[in-house]
Every structure is written in C-alpha cells, then in structure tokens.
C-alpha cells in the first residue's frame, strides 16, 4: 500500500504547473520573436523569387522588342535614304 504525502503531492503539482508555465512562456517568446522579425523584414521591400523571375522575363522580352524595333527603324531609314537619292534634288524645277 502506498501512502500519499500531501506535501509531496503539492510539490509535484507545483513543479508540473511551473513546467507548463515555462513551456507557455517559451512558445510566447518564440512567437513574439517571429512577429518582430516579420515586421522588420516587411519594411525592407524584399521580393519573392517568383516575382524576380517574372520581372526578369519581362525585361528580356522588352529588350528583344526594343532591338527588333531599332532594326526596323534602321531598315526604314535606309529605304527612305535610298528613295531620297533617286528623287530630284530640291530647288530645281522640272521644265
């Protein structure tokens, strides 16, 4: 037969309560630290990898389009220059 000592029982309850309290405090401290970190990082304007890759692809496409337009303008200018050299010089009248 086991006898229960009320003093030991109270001590065990006190230790269990303290352990639970310490565990809760640890969880709260961790959550608080994570929240402060999120707030600090939120002000730094970081972008995700997906956003970066999307903007990078847009920049490449814009560069390619710009190069193609530059080539078209150069071809049009060359065509106009060729037609201009075949036309009559300015200032001379026909006839």
N, C-alpha and C. Protein backbone atom coordinates (compact mmCIF):
# COMPACT_ATOMS: atom_id res chain seq x y z
N UNK A 1 0.82 -1.17 0.00
CA UNK A 1 0.00 0.00 0.00
C UNK A 1 0.87 1.25 0.00
N UNK A 2 0.47 2.18 -0.83
CA UNK A 2 1.27 3.39 -0.95
C UNK A 2 0.55 4.53 -0.25
N UNK A 3 1.29 5.21 0.59
CA UNK A 3 0.67 6.33 1.29
C UNK A 3 0.98 7.61 0.54
N UNK A 4 0.05 8.52 0.54
CA UNK A 4 0.25 9.79 -0.15
C UNK A 4 0.58 10.86 0.86
N UNK A 5 1.70 11.49 0.61
CA UNK A 5 2.09 12.59 1.45
C UNK A 5 1.58 13.86 0.79
N UNK A 6 0.73 14.63 1.46
CA UNK A 6 0.17 15.82 0.84
C UNK A 6 1.25 16.84 0.47
N UNK A 7 2.33 16.86 1.19
CA UNK A 7 3.41 17.80 0.88
C UNK A 7 4.07 17.43 -0.45
N UNK A 8 4.33 16.14 -0.67
CA UNK A 8 4.93 15.70 -1.93
C UNK A 8 3.95 15.91 -3.08
N UNK A 9 2.71 15.64 -2.84
CA UNK A 9 1.68 15.84 -3.87
C UNK A 9 1.61 17.32 -4.27
N UNK A 10 1.64 18.20 -3.30
CA UNK A 10 1.63 19.63 -3.59
C UNK A 10 2.89 20.06 -4.35
N UNK A 11 4.02 19.49 -3.98
CA UNK A 11 5.29 19.81 -4.64
C UNK A 11 5.25 19.36 -6.10
N UNK A 12 4.72 18.16 -6.35
CA UNK A 12 4.61 17.66 -7.72
C UNK A 12 3.68 18.56 -8.53
N UNK A 13 2.56 18.98 -7.95
CA UNK A 13 1.64 19.88 -8.65
C UNK A 13 2.32 21.21 -8.97
N UNK A 14 3.09 21.72 -8.02
CA UNK A 14 3.80 22.98 -8.22
C UNK A 14 4.82 22.87 -9.35
N UNK A 15 5.56 21.76 -9.37
CA UNK A 15 6.57 21.55 -10.42
C UNK A 15 5.89 21.40 -11.78
N UNK A 16 4.81 20.65 -11.84
CA UNK A 16 4.08 20.49 -13.11
C UNK A 16 3.53 21.83 -13.60
N UNK A 17 2.99 22.61 -12.69
CA UNK A 17 2.48 23.93 -13.06
C UNK A 17 3.58 24.85 -13.56
N UNK A 18 4.74 24.81 -12.90
CA UNK A 18 5.86 25.64 -13.32
C UNK A 18 6.37 25.20 -14.68
N UNK A 19 6.42 23.89 -14.92
CA UNK A 19 6.89 23.39 -16.22
C UNK A 19 5.94 23.84 -17.33
N UNK A 20 4.64 23.76 -17.06
CA UNK A 20 3.66 24.22 -18.05
C UNK A 20 3.78 25.71 -18.32
N UNK A 21 3.99 26.47 -17.26
CA UNK A 21 4.14 27.92 -17.40
C UNK A 21 5.39 28.26 -18.20
N UNK A 22 6.50 27.59 -17.91
CA UNK A 22 7.74 27.83 -18.65
C UNK A 22 7.60 27.45 -20.12
N UNK A 23 6.91 26.35 -20.40
CA UNK A 23 6.70 25.95 -21.79
C UNK A 23 5.86 26.99 -22.52
N UNK A 24 4.83 27.49 -21.87
CA UNK A 24 3.98 28.53 -22.46
C UNK A 24 4.76 29.81 -22.71
N UNK A 25 5.61 30.18 -21.75
CA UNK A 25 6.42 31.38 -21.91
C UNK A 25 7.40 31.21 -23.09
N UNK A 26 7.95 30.02 -23.23
CA UNK A 26 8.86 29.75 -24.35
C UNK A 26 8.15 29.89 -25.68
N UNK A 27 6.93 29.33 -25.77
CA UNK A 27 6.15 29.46 -27.01
C UNK A 27 5.83 30.91 -27.31
N UNK A 28 5.42 31.65 -26.29
CA UNK A 28 5.09 33.07 -26.49
C UNK A 28 6.32 33.86 -26.93
N UNK A 29 7.47 33.58 -26.33
CA UNK A 29 8.70 34.29 -26.70
C UNK A 29 9.06 33.99 -28.16
N UNK A 30 8.92 32.74 -28.57
CA UNK A 30 9.23 32.37 -29.95
C UNK A 30 8.29 33.05 -30.94
N UNK A 31 7.00 33.06 -30.61
CA UNK A 31 6.03 33.71 -31.50
C UNK A 31 6.28 35.21 -31.57
N UNK A 32 6.61 35.80 -30.43
CA UNK A 32 6.90 37.24 -30.40
C UNK A 32 8.13 37.57 -31.23
N UNK A 33 9.16 36.75 -31.12
CA UNK A 33 10.38 36.97 -31.90
C UNK A 33 10.10 36.84 -33.39
N UNK A 34 9.32 35.84 -33.77
CA UNK A 34 8.97 35.67 -35.19
C UNK A 34 8.18 36.86 -35.71
N UNK A 35 7.26 37.35 -34.90
CA UNK A 35 6.45 38.51 -35.31
C UNK A 35 7.32 39.75 -35.48
N UNK A 36 8.23 39.98 -34.55
CA UNK A 36 9.14 41.13 -34.68
C UNK A 36 10.02 41.01 -35.92
N UNK A 37 10.47 39.79 -36.20
CA UNK A 37 11.30 39.56 -37.39
C UNK A 37 10.49 39.85 -38.66
N UNK A 38 9.24 39.37 -38.70
CA UNK A 38 8.38 39.64 -39.87
C UNK A 38 8.17 41.14 -40.06
N UNK A 39 7.93 41.86 -38.98
CA UNK A 39 7.73 43.31 -39.07
C UNK A 39 9.00 44.00 -39.57
N UNK A 40 10.15 43.58 -39.07
CA UNK A 40 11.41 44.19 -39.50
C UNK A 40 11.67 43.89 -40.97
N UNK A 41 11.42 42.68 -41.39
CA UNK A 41 11.67 42.30 -42.78
C UNK A 41 10.62 42.92 -43.71
N UNK A 42 9.43 43.15 -43.21
CA UNK A 42 8.37 43.74 -44.03
C UNK A 42 8.71 45.14 -44.50
N UNK A 43 9.49 45.87 -43.74
CA UNK A 43 9.85 47.23 -44.12
C UNK A 43 11.00 47.29 -45.10
N UNK A 44 11.61 46.15 -45.43
CA UNK A 44 12.77 46.15 -46.31
C UNK A 44 12.45 45.92 -47.78
N UNK A 45 11.20 45.72 -48.12
CA UNK A 45 10.75 45.56 -49.50
C UNK A 45 11.47 44.45 -50.25
N UNK A 46 11.54 43.27 -49.68
CA UNK A 46 12.09 42.12 -50.37
C UNK A 46 11.05 41.58 -51.34
N UNK A 47 11.50 40.97 -52.43
CA UNK A 47 10.57 40.34 -53.37
C UNK A 47 10.83 38.84 -53.36
N UNK A 48 9.83 38.11 -53.76
CA UNK A 48 9.99 36.66 -53.81
C UNK A 48 10.75 36.26 -55.07
N UNK A 49 11.25 35.06 -55.09
CA UNK A 49 11.98 34.55 -56.26
C UNK A 49 11.08 34.54 -57.48
N UNK A 50 9.80 34.18 -57.29
CA UNK A 50 8.86 34.12 -58.42
C UNK A 50 8.66 35.51 -59.02
N UNK A 51 8.50 36.53 -58.16
CA UNK A 51 8.33 37.90 -58.65
C UNK A 51 9.57 38.36 -59.40
N UNK A 52 10.75 38.03 -58.87
CA UNK A 52 12.00 38.43 -59.51
C UNK A 52 12.13 37.79 -60.88
N UNK A 53 11.83 36.50 -60.97
CA UNK A 53 11.94 35.80 -62.26
C UNK A 53 10.94 36.36 -63.27
N UNK A 54 9.73 36.70 -62.82
CA UNK A 54 8.72 37.26 -63.73
C UNK A 54 9.19 38.60 -64.29
N UNK A 55 9.74 39.46 -63.44
CA UNK A 55 10.21 40.77 -63.89
C UNK A 55 11.43 40.60 -64.80
N UNK A 56 12.27 39.63 -64.49
CA UNK A 56 13.44 39.36 -65.33
C UNK A 56 13.01 38.95 -66.73
N UNK A 57 12.00 38.07 -66.84
CA UNK A 57 11.48 37.64 -68.14
C UNK A 57 10.88 38.83 -68.89
N UNK A 58 10.18 39.71 -68.17
CA UNK A 58 9.61 40.89 -68.82
C UNK A 58 10.71 41.79 -69.36
N UNK A 59 11.79 41.94 -68.63
CA UNK A 59 12.90 42.78 -69.07
C UNK A 59 13.56 42.20 -70.32
N UNK A 60 13.73 40.89 -70.35
CA UNK A 60 14.32 40.24 -71.53
C UNK A 60 13.42 40.45 -72.74
N UNK A 61 12.11 40.28 -72.57
CA UNK A 61 11.17 40.46 -73.67
C UNK A 61 11.19 41.92 -74.15
N UNK A 62 11.25 42.85 -73.23
CA UNK A 62 11.29 44.27 -73.60
C UNK A 62 12.57 44.59 -74.37
N UNK A 63 13.68 44.01 -73.93
CA UNK A 63 14.96 44.22 -74.63
C UNK A 63 14.89 43.67 -76.05
N UNK A 64 14.33 42.48 -76.21
CA UNK A 64 14.21 41.87 -77.54
C UNK A 64 13.32 42.72 -78.45
N UNK A 65 12.21 43.20 -77.90
CA UNK A 65 11.31 44.04 -78.68
C UNK A 65 11.99 45.35 -79.07
N UNK A 66 12.75 45.93 -78.16
CA UNK A 66 13.47 47.16 -78.43
C UNK A 66 14.50 46.95 -79.55
N UNK A 67 15.22 45.85 -79.50
CA UNK A 67 16.21 45.55 -80.54
C UNK A 67 15.53 45.36 -81.90
N UNK A 68 14.39 44.66 -81.92
CA UNK A 68 13.67 44.45 -83.17
C UNK A 68 13.17 45.78 -83.74
N UNK A 69 12.65 46.65 -82.89
CA UNK A 69 12.17 47.95 -83.35
C UNK A 69 13.32 48.82 -83.86
N UNK A 70 14.47 48.76 -83.20
CA UNK A 70 15.63 49.51 -83.66
C UNK A 70 16.05 49.04 -85.06
N UNK A 71 16.03 47.73 -85.28
CA UNK A 71 16.38 47.19 -86.60
C UNK A 71 15.37 47.62 -87.66
N UNK A 72 14.07 47.62 -87.30
CA UNK A 72 13.05 48.07 -88.27
C UNK A 72 13.23 49.53 -88.61
N UNK A 73 13.53 50.36 -87.63
CA UNK A 73 13.73 51.79 -87.89
C UNK A 73 14.95 51.99 -88.79
N UNK A 74 16.01 51.26 -88.53
CA UNK A 74 17.21 51.38 -89.37
C UNK A 74 16.90 50.98 -90.81
N UNK A 75 16.11 49.92 -91.00
CA UNK A 75 15.74 49.48 -92.35
C UNK A 75 14.87 50.53 -93.04
N UNK A 76 13.93 51.10 -92.31
CA UNK A 76 13.08 52.15 -92.90
C UNK A 76 13.89 53.38 -93.27
N UNK A 77 14.80 53.77 -92.40
CA UNK A 77 15.65 54.92 -92.71
C UNK A 77 16.52 54.65 -93.94
N UNK A 78 17.02 53.43 -94.06
CA UNK A 78 17.83 53.09 -95.23
C UNK A 78 16.98 53.13 -96.49
N UNK A 79 15.73 52.65 -96.41
CA UNK A 79 14.83 52.69 -97.56
C UNK A 79 14.53 54.12 -97.95
N UNK A 80 14.25 54.97 -96.97
CA UNK A 80 13.97 56.38 -97.26
C UNK A 80 15.19 57.09 -97.84
N UNK A 81 16.35 56.77 -97.37
CA UNK A 81 17.59 57.38 -97.88
C UNK A 81 17.82 56.96 -99.33
N UNK A 82 17.54 55.69 -99.63
CA UNK A 82 17.72 55.20 -100.99
C UNK A 82 16.73 55.88 -101.93
N UNK A 83 15.49 56.04 -101.50
CA UNK A 83 14.48 56.72 -102.33
C UNK A 83 14.82 58.20 -102.48
N UNK A 84 15.35 58.79 -101.45
CA UNK A 84 15.70 60.20 -101.47
C UNK A 84 16.83 60.48 -102.45
N UNK A 85 17.76 59.58 -102.61
CA UNK A 85 18.88 59.80 -103.53
C UNK A 85 18.43 59.65 -104.97
N UNK A 86 17.33 58.94 -105.22
CA UNK A 86 16.80 58.78 -106.58
C UNK A 86 15.90 59.96 -106.96
N UNK A 87 15.38 60.67 -105.99
CA UNK A 87 14.49 61.79 -106.27
C UNK A 87 15.29 62.96 -106.80
N UNK A 88 14.57 63.92 -107.44
CA UNK A 88 15.24 65.11 -107.97
C UNK A 88 15.74 65.98 -106.85
N UNK A 89 16.86 66.61 -107.03
CA UNK A 89 17.37 67.48 -105.98
C UNK A 89 16.40 68.64 -105.72
N UNK A 90 16.33 69.08 -104.51
CA UNK A 90 15.42 70.16 -104.14
C UNK A 90 15.90 71.47 -104.75
N UNK A 91 14.95 72.32 -105.13
CA UNK A 91 15.28 73.62 -105.65
C UNK A 91 15.31 73.70 -107.16
N UNK A 92 15.33 72.58 -107.86
CA UNK A 92 15.33 72.60 -109.31
C UNK A 92 13.93 72.28 -109.80
N UNK A 93 13.45 73.05 -110.74
CA UNK A 93 12.11 72.82 -111.25
C UNK A 93 12.19 72.01 -112.53
N UNK A 94 11.14 71.27 -112.79
CA UNK A 94 11.07 70.43 -113.99
C UNK A 94 10.55 71.29 -115.13
N UNK A 95 11.25 71.48 -116.11
CA UNK A 95 10.66 72.07 -117.28
C UNK A 95 11.21 73.26 -117.77
